[in-house]
Amino acid sequence: MAFRFGSPEHDVLLLREVVQLKPFLRPIGSQEGAWRDVAVSLNHLGMAANPRTCRDRTKKLLNNEMNEANVERQRLLQEVMKDFQGADASHGKKAGKRSREASRRAPNRTMRSIPLPMGANALDTDDSTLGSPPPAKRHADAEYREEKKREEFLSLAVMRELLTAERKERERKEALDREERAARAIADREDKHEMMEMMKMMKKLFQTVHAIVTVESKGMRPRWGREGGGGD
């Protein structure tokens, strides 16, 4: 499922990256790379966005009302709006300059009639080109297909990174569990060993006390017997 910006916190994170990377102020040919950098930064923050969704969400926020309750989002929108308006003015000036330079470089040529071959009708045209789209549309379609391919490739790369991170986290937890189980097993063995040693010591102590009591009891009986015999 494609990622959707569903909270003001998502918008704030997006606008922070736009303010920092300034994709609107980049040259037209490098704007796509800037939006890709914005998407990669958001991916590292746990938002599986792609360049197109970042660009569309930013333009949607710019087209909405500027007065809102979220102060930080409003401040960031104002900064992005300045970049957007400055980019429009800059690109307009560059387009006008290029147009004027092209007009100056173009030579003044008069239209000359092209002779038709014998028997050819002036109204006859090549019908093979009527069904094909104009070059500008073909170029735009090709750019759109290339952009879709790049977005799909980026989505796959992001998915692979997420899966790799999940696998590493799972392996780390499993390693910690193994270490904890091994530590508990060692502690249990040490406790059992200490208990056995204590029981051995208690047994030896009991045997020693029993022997002492037995010896003392046997040593006192003859003395009592002699004393009793002398009295008779």
Protein backbone atom coordinates (compact mmCIF):
# COMPACT_ATOMS: atom_id res chain seq x y z
CA MET A 1 0.00 0.00 0.00
CA ALA A 2 1.32 3.44 -0.95
CA PHE A 3 2.24 5.78 1.88
CA ARG A 4 -0.19 8.63 2.64
CA PHE A 5 0.47 11.77 4.67
CA GLY A 6 -2.21 11.48 7.33
CA SER A 7 -1.13 13.74 10.18
CA PRO A 8 0.31 17.22 10.77
CA GLU A 9 3.47 15.57 12.14
CA HIS A 10 4.05 13.92 8.76
CA ASP A 11 3.58 17.29 7.04
CA VAL A 12 6.06 18.96 9.40
CA LEU A 13 8.72 16.31 8.69
CA LEU A 14 8.11 16.67 4.94
CA LEU A 15 8.27 20.48 4.99
CA ARG A 16 11.48 20.43 7.04
CA GLU A 17 13.19 18.37 4.34
CA VAL A 18 11.77 20.62 1.58
CA VAL A 19 13.03 23.74 3.36
CA GLN A 20 16.46 22.15 3.80
CA LEU A 21 16.87 20.62 0.31
CA LYS A 22 14.93 23.36 -1.61
CA PRO A 23 13.80 21.30 -4.62
CA PHE A 24 11.80 24.21 -6.09
CA LEU A 25 14.94 26.34 -6.39
CA ARG A 26 16.87 23.65 -8.25
CA PRO A 27 17.19 23.79 -12.02
CA ILE A 28 14.31 22.10 -13.78
CA GLY A 29 16.45 19.15 -14.83
CA SER A 30 17.64 18.41 -11.29
CA GLN A 31 14.38 18.92 -9.37
CA GLU A 32 13.50 15.24 -9.60
CA GLY A 33 16.77 14.29 -7.91
CA ALA A 34 16.03 16.76 -5.11
CA TRP A 35 12.59 15.22 -4.53
CA ARG A 36 14.24 11.81 -4.49
CA ASP A 37 16.56 13.05 -1.73
CA VAL A 38 13.51 14.31 0.22
CA ALA A 39 11.88 10.87 -0.09
CA VAL A 40 15.05 9.07 1.02
CA SER A 41 15.31 11.31 4.10
CA LEU A 42 11.70 10.54 5.02
CA ASN A 43 12.32 6.81 4.46
CA HIS A 44 15.06 6.96 7.09
CA LEU A 45 12.45 8.46 9.45
CA GLY A 46 10.12 5.49 8.91
CA MET A 47 7.87 7.08 6.23
CA ALA A 48 7.77 4.95 3.05
CA ALA A 49 7.12 7.91 0.75
CA ASN A 50 8.29 8.30 -2.85
CA PRO A 51 9.34 11.45 -4.76
CA ARG A 52 5.98 11.89 -6.44
CA THR A 53 3.92 11.70 -3.23
CA CYS A 54 6.30 14.18 -1.55
CA ARG A 55 5.98 16.65 -4.43
CA ASP A 56 2.19 16.28 -4.71
CA ARG A 57 1.67 16.66 -0.95
CA THR A 58 3.84 19.78 -0.84
CA LYS A 59 1.94 21.42 -3.71
CA LYS A 60 -1.38 20.49 -2.10
CA LEU A 61 -0.31 22.15 1.15
CA LEU A 62 0.77 25.25 -0.78
CA ASN A 63 -2.63 25.45 -2.49
CA ASN A 64 -4.56 25.23 0.81
CA GLU A 65 -5.30 28.01 3.26
CA MET A 66 -2.24 29.29 5.14
CA ASN A 67 -4.09 30.09 8.40
CA GLU A 68 -4.08 26.97 10.58
CA ALA A 69 -3.59 25.94 14.19
CA ASN A 70 -0.23 24.17 13.72
CA VAL A 71 2.25 27.02 14.13
CA GLU A 72 5.32 25.12 12.96
CA ARG A 73 3.63 23.79 9.84
CA GLN A 74 2.41 27.30 8.99
CA ARG A 75 5.93 28.71 9.43
CA LEU A 76 7.46 26.00 7.24
CA LEU A 77 4.75 26.52 4.60
CA GLN A 78 5.59 30.21 4.44
CA GLU A 79 9.26 29.41 3.83
CA VAL A 80 8.39 26.85 1.15
CA MET A 81 5.99 29.35 -0.46
CA LYS A 82 8.83 31.89 -0.72
CA ASP A 83 11.01 29.29 -2.47
CA PHE A 84 8.14 28.32 -4.77
CA GLN A 85 7.38 31.92 -5.77
CA GLY A 86 11.07 32.69 -6.21
CA ALA A 87 11.48 29.62 -8.40
CA ASP A 88 8.57 30.69 -10.63
CA ALA A 89 10.07 34.14 -11.10
CA SER A 90 13.55 32.74 -11.76
CA HIS A 91 12.35 30.14 -14.25
CA GLY A 92 10.21 32.74 -16.03
CA LYS A 93 13.18 35.06 -16.44
CA LYS A 94 15.36 32.23 -17.74
CA ALA A 95 12.67 31.15 -20.21
CA GLY A 96 12.28 34.72 -21.50
CA LYS A 97 16.03 35.11 -21.84
CA ARG A 98 16.35 31.86 -23.76
CA SER A 99 13.49 32.90 -26.06
CA ARG A 100 15.12 36.26 -26.81
CA GLU A 101 18.50 34.63 -27.44
CA ALA A 102 16.90 32.11 -29.79
CA SER A 103 15.16 34.93 -31.66
CA ARG A 104 18.43 36.81 -32.10
CA ARG A 105 20.30 33.73 -33.31
CA ALA A 106 17.60 32.66 -35.79
CA PRO A 107 18.42 33.97 -39.31
CA ASN A 108 15.78 35.89 -41.23
CA ARG A 109 14.81 33.49 -43.93
CA THR A 110 12.04 33.92 -46.44
CA MET A 111 9.65 31.14 -47.07
CA ARG A 112 10.33 29.54 -50.40
CA SER A 113 7.90 27.35 -52.19
CA ILE A 114 8.93 23.77 -52.57
CA PRO A 115 8.21 22.43 -56.05
CA LEU A 116 5.92 19.45 -56.15
CA PRO A 117 6.78 16.44 -58.25
CA MET A 118 5.00 16.05 -61.56
CA GLY A 119 1.46 14.81 -61.16
CA ALA A 120 1.39 15.41 -57.42
CA ASN A 121 -1.61 17.18 -55.96
CA ALA A 122 -0.91 20.01 -53.54
CA LEU A 123 -3.67 18.76 -51.28
CA ASP A 124 -2.19 15.29 -51.02
CA THR A 125 -0.51 14.70 -47.66
CA ASP A 126 1.21 11.77 -46.02
CA ASP A 127 -1.49 10.10 -43.96
CA SER A 128 1.07 7.94 -42.15
CA THR A 129 1.87 10.75 -39.71
CA LEU A 130 -1.72 11.73 -38.92
CA GLY A 131 -2.25 8.99 -36.33
CA SER A 132 1.02 9.53 -34.39
CA PRO A 133 1.16 11.95 -31.46
CA PRO A 134 3.23 15.11 -31.73
CA PRO A 135 6.90 14.98 -30.64
CA ALA A 136 6.24 17.02 -27.48
CA LYS A 137 3.60 14.55 -26.30
CA ARG A 138 5.82 11.58 -27.12
CA HIS A 139 8.63 13.18 -25.13
CA ALA A 140 6.30 13.85 -22.19
CA ASP A 141 5.01 10.26 -22.28
CA ALA A 142 8.56 8.93 -22.32
CA GLU A 143 9.52 11.12 -19.36
CA TYR A 144 6.42 9.94 -17.48
CA ARG A 145 7.29 6.29 -18.09
CA GLU A 146 10.87 6.88 -16.98
CA GLU A 147 9.65 8.61 -13.82
CA LYS A 148 7.30 5.70 -13.04
CA LYS A 149 10.17 3.25 -13.49
CA ARG A 150 12.39 5.28 -11.17
CA GLU A 151 9.62 5.50 -8.56
CA GLU A 152 9.05 1.74 -8.72
CA PHE A 153 12.79 1.12 -8.43
CA LEU A 154 12.99 3.48 -5.44
CA SER A 155 10.01 1.78 -3.78
CA LEU A 156 11.64 -1.62 -4.25
CA ALA A 157 14.94 -0.31 -2.86
CA VAL A 158 13.17 1.15 0.18
CA MET A 159 11.28 -2.11 0.72
CA ARG A 160 14.54 -4.07 0.54
CA GLU A 161 16.13 -1.74 3.09
CA LEU A 162 13.16 -2.13 5.44
CA LEU A 163 13.21 -5.93 5.11
CA THR A 164 16.96 -5.98 5.71
CA ALA A 165 16.59 -3.81 8.81
CA GLU A 166 13.79 -6.04 10.14
CA ARG A 167 15.88 -9.16 9.55
CA LYS A 168 18.89 -7.68 11.33
CA GLU A 169 16.71 -6.60 14.27
CA ARG A 170 15.20 -10.08 14.49
CA GLU A 171 18.66 -11.69 14.40
CA ARG A 172 19.87 -9.29 17.10
CA LYS A 173 16.95 -10.19 19.38
CA GLU A 174 17.50 -13.90 18.79
CA ALA A 175 21.20 -13.52 19.66
CA LEU A 176 20.29 -11.67 22.86
CA ASP A 177 17.80 -14.40 23.78
CA ARG A 178 20.46 -17.07 23.26
CA GLU A 179 22.93 -15.16 25.40
CA GLU A 180 20.34 -14.72 28.16
CA ARG A 181 19.44 -18.41 28.11
CA ALA A 182 23.12 -19.38 28.23
CA ALA A 183 23.72 -17.00 31.14
CA ARG A 184 20.72 -18.41 33.03
CA ALA A 185 21.95 -21.96 32.44
CA ILE A 186 25.41 -21.09 33.79
CA ALA A 187 23.86 -19.37 36.82
CA ASP A 188 21.65 -22.39 37.49
CA ARG A 189 24.64 -24.74 37.33
CA GLU A 190 26.62 -22.54 39.70
CA ASP A 191 23.68 -22.39 42.12
CA LYS A 192 23.32 -26.18 42.04
CA HIS A 193 27.06 -26.61 42.60
CA GLU A 194 27.02 -24.24 45.57
CA MET A 195 24.01 -26.05 47.01
CA MET A 196 25.75 -29.42 46.68
CA GLU A 197 28.91 -28.08 48.33
CA MET A 198 26.85 -26.63 51.17
CA MET A 199 25.05 -29.92 51.66
CA LYS A 200 28.40 -31.77 51.77
CA MET A 201 29.70 -29.32 54.37
CA MET A 202 26.55 -29.70 56.45
CA LYS A 203 26.87 -33.49 56.25
CA LYS A 204 30.52 -33.41 57.34
CA LEU A 205 29.67 -31.04 60.19
CA PHE A 206 26.84 -33.28 61.33
CA GLN A 207 29.10 -36.35 61.23
CA THR A 208 31.81 -34.53 63.22
CA VAL A 209 29.36 -33.32 65.88
CA HIS A 210 27.85 -36.80 66.09
CA ALA A 211 31.29 -38.37 66.54
CA ILE A 212 32.23 -35.88 69.26
CA VAL A 213 29.01 -36.47 71.15
CA THR A 214 29.46 -40.24 70.85
CA VAL A 215 33.05 -40.15 72.14
CA GLU A 216 32.16 -37.90 75.04
CA SER A 217 29.21 -40.02 76.02
CA LYS A 218 31.29 -43.20 75.98
CA GLY A 219 34.11 -41.62 78.00
CA MET A 220 31.86 -40.50 80.84
CA ARG A 221 30.13 -43.85 81.52
CA PRO A 222 33.12 -45.67 83.13
CA ARG A 223 33.79 -42.78 85.47
CA TRP A 224 30.22 -42.83 86.63
CA GLY A 225 30.42 -46.59 87.08
CA ARG A 226 33.60 -46.43 89.23
CA GLU A 227 32.21 -43.73 91.40
CA GLY A 228 29.04 -45.72 91.94
CA GLY A 229 31.00 -48.93 92.77
CA GLY A 230 33.20 -47.24 95.38
CA GLY A 231 30.14 -46.05 97.27
CA ASP A 232 28.84 -49.58 97.77
